[in-house]
C-alpha atoms as a PDB file:
ATOM      1  CA  MET A   1      -0.050   0.070  -0.179  1.00  0.00           C
ATOM      2  CA  LYS A   2       1.188   3.443  -0.881  1.00  0.00           C
ATOM      3  CA  LYS A   3       0.701   6.233   1.362  1.00  0.00           C
ATOM      4  CA  SER A   4       0.073   9.388  -0.272  1.00  0.00           C
ATOM      5  CA  THR A   5       1.257  12.543   0.756  1.00  0.00           C
ATOM      6  CA  PRO A   6      -0.312  15.430   2.222  1.00  0.00           C
ATOM      7  CA  PRO A   7      -0.739  18.559  -0.178  1.00  0.00           C
ATOM      8  CA  ARG A   8       1.808  21.064   0.547  1.00  0.00           C
ATOM      9  CA  SER A   9       0.260  24.176   2.239  1.00  0.00           C
ATOM     10  CA  SER A  10       1.226  27.601   0.587  1.00  0.00           C
ATOM     11  CA  SER A  11       3.098  29.753   2.825  1.00  0.00           C
ATOM     12  CA  VAL A  12       1.571  32.839   1.010  1.00  0.00           C
ATOM     13  CA  ARG A  13      -1.830  33.664   2.899  1.00  0.00           C
ATOM     14  CA  ASN A  14      -4.195  36.519   2.707  1.00  0.00           C
ATOM     15  CA  ASP A  15      -4.293  38.269   6.281  1.00  0.00           C
ATOM     16  CA  TYR A  16      -7.733  39.732   7.315  1.00  0.00           C
ATOM     17  CA  ARG A  17      -8.643  41.859  10.275  1.00  0.00           C
ATOM     18  CA  CYS A  18     -12.238  42.103  10.885  1.00  0.00           C
ATOM     19  CA  SER A  19     -13.852  44.378  13.355  1.00  0.00           C
ATOM     20  CA  ILE A  20     -17.376  44.929  14.380  1.00  0.00           C
ATOM     21  CA  GLU A  21     -19.154  47.938  16.307  1.00  0.00           C
ATOM     22  CA  LYS A  22     -22.483  49.109  16.949  1.00  0.00           C
ATOM     23  CA  ASN A  23     -23.042  52.630  15.043  1.00  0.00           C
ATOM     24  CA  GLN A  24     -25.358  55.402  16.353  1.00  0.00           C
ATOM     25  CA  THR A  25     -28.403  54.074  14.452  1.00  0.00           C
ATOM     26  CA  GLY A  26     -28.186  50.886  15.860  1.00  0.00           C
ATOM     27  CA  LYS A  27     -26.883  48.689  12.992  1.00  0.00           C
ATOM     28  CA  TYR A  28     -23.674  46.836  13.042  1.00  0.00           C
ATOM     29  CA  CYS A  29     -20.790  47.906  11.218  1.00  0.00           C
ATOM     30  CA  VAL A  30     -18.430  45.287  10.194  1.00  0.00           C
ATOM     31  CA  ARG A  31     -14.929  46.477   8.585  1.00  0.00           C
ATOM     32  CA  ILE A  32     -12.656  44.059   6.887  1.00  0.00           C
ATOM     33  CA  ARG A  33      -9.089  44.558   5.920  1.00  0.00           C
ATOM     34  CA  VAL A  34      -7.651  42.357   3.806  1.00  0.00           C
ATOM     35  CA  LEU A  35      -4.041  41.984   2.832  1.00  0.00           C
ATOM     36  CA  TYR A  36      -3.372  40.064  -0.375  1.00  0.00           C
ATOM     37  CA  PRO A  37       0.632  39.275  -0.541  1.00  0.00           C
ATOM     38  CA  ARG A  38       0.530  37.868  -4.080  1.00  0.00           C
ATOM     39  CA  HIS A  39       0.163  41.211  -5.340  1.00  0.00           C
ATOM     40  CA  ALA A  40       1.371  43.365  -2.175  1.00  0.00           C
ATOM     41  CA  TRP A  41      -1.745  45.435  -1.836  1.00  0.00           C
ATOM     42  CA  THR A  42      -4.564  46.272   0.892  1.00  0.00           C
ATOM     43  CA  LEU A  43      -8.502  46.569   0.617  1.00  0.00           C
ATOM     44  CA  ALA A  44     -10.568  47.843   3.001  1.00  0.00           C
ATOM     45  CA  VAL A  45     -14.357  47.320   2.839  1.00  0.00           C
ATOM     46  CA  PHE A  46     -17.191  47.675   5.028  1.00  0.00           C
ATOM     47  CA  PHE A  47     -20.938  46.512   5.304  1.00  0.00           C
ATOM     48  CA  LEU A  48     -23.767  47.389   7.763  1.00  0.00           C
ATOM     49  CA  ALA A  49     -26.092  44.870   8.976  1.00  0.00           C
ATOM     50  CA  SER A  50     -29.485  45.466  11.256  1.00  0.00           C
ATOM     51  CA  SER A  51     -28.744  42.190  13.679  1.00  0.00           C
ATOM     52  CA  PHE A  52     -25.804  40.950  15.040  1.00  0.00           C
ATOM     53  CA  ASP A  53     -26.722  37.112  13.365  1.00  0.00           C
ATOM     54  CA  ARG A  54     -27.116  38.994   9.754  1.00  0.00           C
ATOM     55  CA  ALA A  55     -23.927  40.416  10.418  1.00  0.00           C
ATOM     56  CA  MET A  56     -22.169  37.456  11.117  1.00  0.00           C
ATOM     57  CA  LYS A  57     -23.575  35.690   8.024  1.00  0.00           C
ATOM     58  CA  LYS A  58     -22.888  38.790   5.930  1.00  0.00           C
ATOM     59  CA  LEU A  59     -19.035  38.258   7.431  1.00  0.00           C
ATOM     60  CA  GLU A  60     -18.923  34.756   6.157  1.00  0.00           C
ATOM     61  CA  GLU A  61     -20.314  35.834   2.546  1.00  0.00           C
ATOM     62  CA  SER A  62     -17.985  38.646   2.501  1.00  0.00           C
ATOM     63  CA  LEU A  63     -14.841  36.756   3.294  1.00  0.00           C
ATOM     64  CA  HIS A  64     -15.743  34.208   0.543  1.00  0.00           C
ATOM     65  CA  PHE A  65     -16.296  36.956  -2.014  1.00  0.00           C
ATOM     66  CA  LEU A  66     -12.999  38.598  -1.138  1.00  0.00           C
ATOM     67  CA  GLN A  67     -11.363  35.100  -1.308  1.00  0.00           C
ATOM     68  CA  ARG A  68     -12.827  34.138  -4.781  1.00  0.00           C
ATOM     69  CA  ASN A  69     -12.419  37.516  -6.474  1.00  0.00           C
ATOM     70  CA  GLU A  70      -8.781  38.499  -5.184  1.00  0.00           C
ATOM     71  CA  GLU A  71      -7.732  38.685  -9.058  1.00  0.00           C
ATOM     72  CA  LYS A  72     -10.683  40.991 -10.292  1.00  0.00           C
ATOM     73  CA  LEU A  73     -10.337  42.973  -7.332  1.00  0.00           C
ATOM     74  CA  TRP A  74      -6.796  43.660  -7.634  1.00  0.00           C
ATOM     75  CA  PHE A  75      -7.154  44.192 -11.508  1.00  0.00           C
ATOM     76  CA  TRP A  76      -9.731  46.838 -10.927  1.00  0.00           C
ATOM     77  CA  GLY A  77      -8.470  48.250  -7.635  1.00  0.00           C
ATOM     78  CA  VAL A  78      -4.645  48.568  -8.300  1.00  0.00           C
ATOM     79  CA  ASP A  79      -3.875  47.916 -11.815  1.00  0.00           C
ATOM     80  CA  ARG A  80      -6.714  49.922 -13.159  1.00  0.00           C
ATOM     81  CA  ALA A  81      -6.698  52.455 -10.233  1.00  0.00           C
ATOM     82  CA  GLU A  82      -8.191  55.265 -12.353  1.00  0.00           C
ATOM     83  CA  ASP A  83     -11.498  53.180 -12.576  1.00  0.00           C
ATOM     84  CA  MET A  84     -12.209  52.915  -8.854  1.00  0.00           C
ATOM     85  CA  GLY A  85     -15.754  53.584  -9.912  1.00  0.00           C
ATOM     86  CA  PHE A  86     -15.892  50.179 -11.432  1.00  0.00           C
ATOM     87  CA  SER A  87     -14.201  48.634  -8.086  1.00  0.00           C
ATOM     88  CA  ALA A  88     -16.836  50.149  -5.885  1.00  0.00           C
ATOM     89  CA  GLU A  89     -19.608  49.074  -8.237  1.00  0.00           C
ATOM     90  CA  PHE A  90     -18.303  45.466  -8.093  1.00  0.00           C
ATOM     91  CA  LEU A  91     -17.920  45.405  -4.335  1.00  0.00           C
ATOM     92  CA  LYS A  92     -21.523  46.983  -4.132  1.00  0.00           C
ATOM     93  CA  GLU A  93     -22.814  43.751  -5.909  1.00  0.00           C
ATOM     94  CA  ALA A  94     -21.716  41.836  -2.647  1.00  0.00           C
ATOM     95  CA  SER A  95     -23.369  44.610  -0.404  1.00  0.00           C
ATOM     96  CA  LEU A  96     -19.703  45.947   0.425  1.00  0.00           C
ATOM     97  CA  HIS A  97     -18.482  49.394   0.378  1.00  0.00           C
ATOM     98  CA  LEU A  98     -14.976  50.513   0.064  1.00  0.00           C
ATOM     99  CA  ASP A  99     -13.677  51.719   3.720  1.00  0.00           C
ATOM    100  CA  ARG A 100     -11.551  54.837   3.124  1.00  0.00           C
ATOM    101  CA  ARG A 101     -11.064  55.235   7.120  1.00  0.00           C
ATOM    102  CA  ASN A 102      -7.327  55.073   7.761  1.00  0.00           C
ATOM    103  CA  GLU A 103      -7.435  53.888  11.405  1.00  0.00           C
ATOM    104  CA  PHE A 104      -8.549  50.218  12.027  1.00  0.00           C
ATOM    105  CA  PRO A 105     -10.291  49.205  15.582  1.00  0.00           C
ATOM    106  CA  ARG A 106      -7.584  47.901  17.973  1.00  0.00           C
ATOM    107  CA  LYS A 107      -9.880  45.126  18.679  1.00  0.00           C
ATOM    108  CA  ALA A 108     -10.154  42.964  15.858  1.00  0.00           C
ATOM    109  CA  ALA A 109     -10.028  39.361  14.552  1.00  0.00           C
ATOM    110  CA  ASN A 110      -7.236  38.175  12.558  1.00  0.00           C
ATOM    111  CA  LEU A 111      -7.413  35.392  10.032  1.00  0.00           C
ATOM    112  CA  SER A 112      -5.294  33.974   7.585  1.00  0.00           C
ATOM    113  CA  VAL A 113      -6.348  32.006   4.569  1.00  0.00           C
ATOM    114  CA  GLU A 114      -4.772  30.788   1.475  1.00  0.00           C
ATOM    115  CA  PRO A 115      -5.625  32.291  -1.766  1.00  0.00           C
ATOM    116  CA  GLU A 116      -8.294  31.344  -3.536  1.00  0.00           C
ATOM    117  CA  ARG A 117      -9.316  28.683  -0.894  1.00  0.00           C
ATOM    118  CA  ASP A 118     -12.749  28.844   1.079  1.00  0.00           C
ATOM    119  CA  VAL A 119     -12.725  30.182   4.659  1.00  0.00           C
ATOM    120  CA  PRO A 120     -13.475  27.195   6.750  1.00  0.00           C
ATOM    121  CA  ALA A 121     -16.521  27.593   8.724  1.00  0.00           C
ATOM    122  CA  PHE A 122     -14.905  26.344  11.688  1.00  0.00           C
ATOM    123  CA  VAL A 123     -12.465  29.409  11.795  1.00  0.00           C
ATOM    124  CA  LEU A 124     -15.417  31.868  11.873  1.00  0.00           C
ATOM    125  CA  GLY A 125     -16.886  30.300  15.415  1.00  0.00           C
ATOM    126  CA  PRO A 126     -14.280  31.853  17.566  1.00  0.00           C
ATOM    127  CA  ILE A 127     -14.805  35.216  15.747  1.00  0.00           C
ATOM    128  CA  ARG A 128     -18.242  35.108  16.384  1.00  0.00           C
ATOM    129  CA  ARG A 129     -17.800  34.705  19.949  1.00  0.00           C
ATOM    130  CA  GLY A 130     -15.147  37.085  20.192  1.00  0.00           C
ATOM    131  CA  PHE A 131     -17.386  39.535  18.291  1.00  0.00           C
ATOM    132  CA  ALA A 132     -20.350  38.625  20.528  1.00  0.00           C
ATOM    133  CA  GLU A 133     -18.429  39.738  23.735  1.00  0.00           C
ATOM    134  CA  ALA A 134     -17.178  42.983  22.199  1.00  0.00           C
ATOM    135  CA  VAL A 135     -20.839  44.114  21.099  1.00  0.00           C
ATOM    136  CA  GLU A 136     -21.850  42.964  24.761  1.00  0.00           C
ATOM    137  CA  PHE A 137     -19.100  44.720  26.357  1.00  0.00           C
ATOM    138  CA  ALA A 138     -19.471  48.091  24.303  1.00  0.00           C
ATOM    139  CA  ARG A 139     -23.257  47.701  25.452  1.00  0.00           C
ATOM    140  CA  VAL A 140     -22.916  47.573  28.930  1.00  0.00           C
ATOM    141  CA  GLN A 141     -20.109  50.539  29.222  1.00  0.00           C
ATOM    142  CA  PRO A 142     -20.958  53.522  30.588  1.00  0.00           C
ATOM    143  CA  ALA A 143     -21.392  56.495  28.106  1.00  0.00           C
ATOM    144  CA  GLY A 144     -18.452  58.492  29.381  1.00  0.00           C
ATOM    145  CA  ASP A 145     -16.053  55.710  29.414  1.00  0.00           C
END
C-alpha cells in the first residue's frame, strides 16, 4: 500500500482583520481589511447589518467573496486604479463598500487563509464569540468611558 503525501500548504496567505461595532443608528458596522500578499496590496471594505446574526452571516459571505475575487479586485482596484468607480460597483454587488478610513479598531479578529481557498466555517466560530463579547462589552460600558 502506498501512502499518499498530504498536499503542501502554501506559505502565502491572505490576512484579514475584522472588527464590529454598533453605530449611532443601532446597526452593526463590520469592517474588513485584507492584505493580499501575492500582489502586495490592501483592500478595506465595510458593510452594515441590522442584527448581530445577519452581520455574522454577511461576514462569512463577504470573506468568501473577497477570497474568490482576489484577481478581479486587484485588477480593477490597483492595476486600473483610475477606474475606482468600477471597483466600488463590483463591491456593491456583494453589498460591500470601500472603507476609506485610515485607522482600524485595535480590537479586531485576525484570520489568515491561503489564496483562492474558502474560509473554513470552524474558523469563524471564535470570531463570532469574540465579536459577541465585544458588542456586549460595549453595550454595558457607561457612556462616559
